[in-house]
PDB file of N, CA and C in Angstrom:
ATOM      1  N   MET A   1      90.241  87.296 123.085  1.00  0.00           N
ATOM      2  CA  MET A   1      90.433  88.159 121.959  1.00  0.00           C
ATOM      3  C   MET A   1      89.674  87.650 120.766  1.00  0.00           C
ATOM      4  N   THR A   2      89.206  88.553 119.974  1.00  0.00           N
ATOM      5  CA  THR A   2      88.405  88.133 118.791  1.00  0.00           C
ATOM      6  C   THR A   2      89.257  88.233 117.529  1.00  0.00           C
ATOM      7  N   GLU A   3      88.825  87.477 116.519  1.00  0.00           N
ATOM      8  CA  GLU A   3      89.531  87.513 115.239  1.00  0.00           C
ATOM      9  C   GLU A   3      89.412  88.930 114.595  1.00  0.00           C
ATOM     10  N   ALA A   4      88.224  89.546 114.745  1.00  0.00           N
ATOM     11  CA  ALA A   4      88.015  90.847 114.216  1.00  0.00           C
ATOM     12  C   ALA A   4      89.102  91.842 114.680  1.00  0.00           C
ATOM     13  N   LEU A   5      89.431  91.742 116.005  1.00  0.00           N
ATOM     14  CA  LEU A   5      90.419  92.605 116.540  1.00  0.00           C
ATOM     15  C   LEU A   5      91.790  92.434 115.843  1.00  0.00           C
ATOM     16  N   GLU A   6      92.102  91.169 115.598  1.00  0.00           N
ATOM     17  CA  GLU A   6      93.393  90.912 115.014  1.00  0.00           C
ATOM     18  C   GLU A   6      93.331  91.479 113.525  1.00  0.00           C
ATOM     19  N   ILE A   7      92.303  91.243 112.858  1.00  0.00           N
ATOM     20  CA  ILE A   7      92.157  91.755 111.508  1.00  0.00           C
ATOM     21  C   ILE A   7      92.255  93.222 111.451  1.00  0.00           C
ATOM     22  N   ARG A   8      91.647  93.878 112.474  1.00  0.00           N
ATOM     23  CA  ARG A   8      91.668  95.338 112.581  1.00  0.00           C
ATOM     24  C   ARG A   8      93.140  95.820 112.780  1.00  0.00           C
ATOM     25  N   LEU A   9      93.889  95.124 113.615  1.00  0.00           N
ATOM     26  CA  LEU A   9      95.248  95.527 113.856  1.00  0.00           C
ATOM     27  C   LEU A   9      96.054  95.334 112.627  1.00  0.00           C
ATOM     28  N   VAL A  10      95.795  94.261 111.926  1.00  0.00           N
ATOM     29  CA  VAL A  10      96.591  94.032 110.695  1.00  0.00           C
ATOM     30  C   VAL A  10      96.287  95.083 109.661  1.00  0.00           C
ATOM     31  N   GLY A  11      94.977  95.501 109.609  1.00  0.00           N
ATOM     32  CA  GLY A  11      94.531  96.560 108.658  1.00  0.00           C
ATOM     33  C   GLY A  11      95.228  97.864 109.021  1.00  0.00           C
ATOM     34  N   LEU A  12      95.219  98.122 110.327  1.00  0.00           N
ATOM     35  CA  LEU A  12      95.876  99.389 110.780  1.00  0.00           C
ATOM     36  C   LEU A  12      97.315  99.466 110.390  1.00  0.00           C
ATOM     37  N   ARG A  13      98.001  98.295 110.567  1.00  0.00           N
ATOM     38  CA  ARG A  13      99.434  98.259 110.344  1.00  0.00           C
ATOM     39  C   ARG A  13      99.646  98.497 108.801  1.00  0.00           C
ATOM     40  N   ASP A  14      98.771  97.847 107.934  1.00  0.00           N
ATOM     41  CA  ASP A  14      98.891  98.003 106.502  1.00  0.00           C
ATOM     42  C   ASP A  14      98.687  99.490 106.174  1.00  0.00           C
ATOM     43  N   ARG A  15      97.743 100.155 106.845  1.00  0.00           N
ATOM     44  CA  ARG A  15      97.527 101.554 106.497  1.00  0.00           C
ATOM     45  C   ARG A  15      98.763 102.425 106.912  1.00  0.00           C
ATOM     46  N   VAL A  16      99.277 102.162 108.005  1.00  0.00           N
ATOM     47  CA  VAL A  16     100.460 102.878 108.515  1.00  0.00           C
ATOM     48  C   VAL A  16     101.634 102.617 107.480  1.00  0.00           C
ATOM     49  N   ALA A  17     101.788 101.394 107.063  1.00  0.00           N
ATOM     50  CA  ALA A  17     102.896 101.064 106.105  1.00  0.00           C
ATOM     51  C   ALA A  17     102.682 101.895 104.813  1.00  0.00           C
ATOM     52  N   LEU A  18     101.399 102.011 104.372  1.00  0.00           N
ATOM     53  CA  LEU A  18     101.150 102.735 103.163  1.00  0.00           C
ATOM     54  C   LEU A  18     101.363 104.258 103.341  1.00  0.00           C
ATOM     55  N   LEU A  19     100.980 104.738 104.518  1.00  0.00           N
ATOM     56  CA  LEU A  19     101.208 106.144 104.800  1.00  0.00           C
ATOM     57  C   LEU A  19     102.661 106.407 104.879  1.00  0.00           C
ATOM     58  N   TYR A  20     103.433 105.602 105.471  1.00  0.00           N
ATOM     59  CA  TYR A  20     104.895 105.860 105.608  1.00  0.00           C
ATOM     60  C   TYR A  20     105.629 105.477 104.421  1.00  0.00           C
ATOM     61  N   GLY A  21     104.992 104.563 103.569  1.00  0.00           N
ATOM     62  CA  GLY A  21     105.661 104.209 102.255  1.00  0.00           C
ATOM     63  C   GLY A  21     106.869 103.385 102.576  1.00  0.00           C
TER      64      GLY A  21
END
């Protein structure tokens, strides 16, 4: 696995958290 993948997953989670508030 690459670090970029982990960062992307974290970013996606952050976006979902922002959308769901």
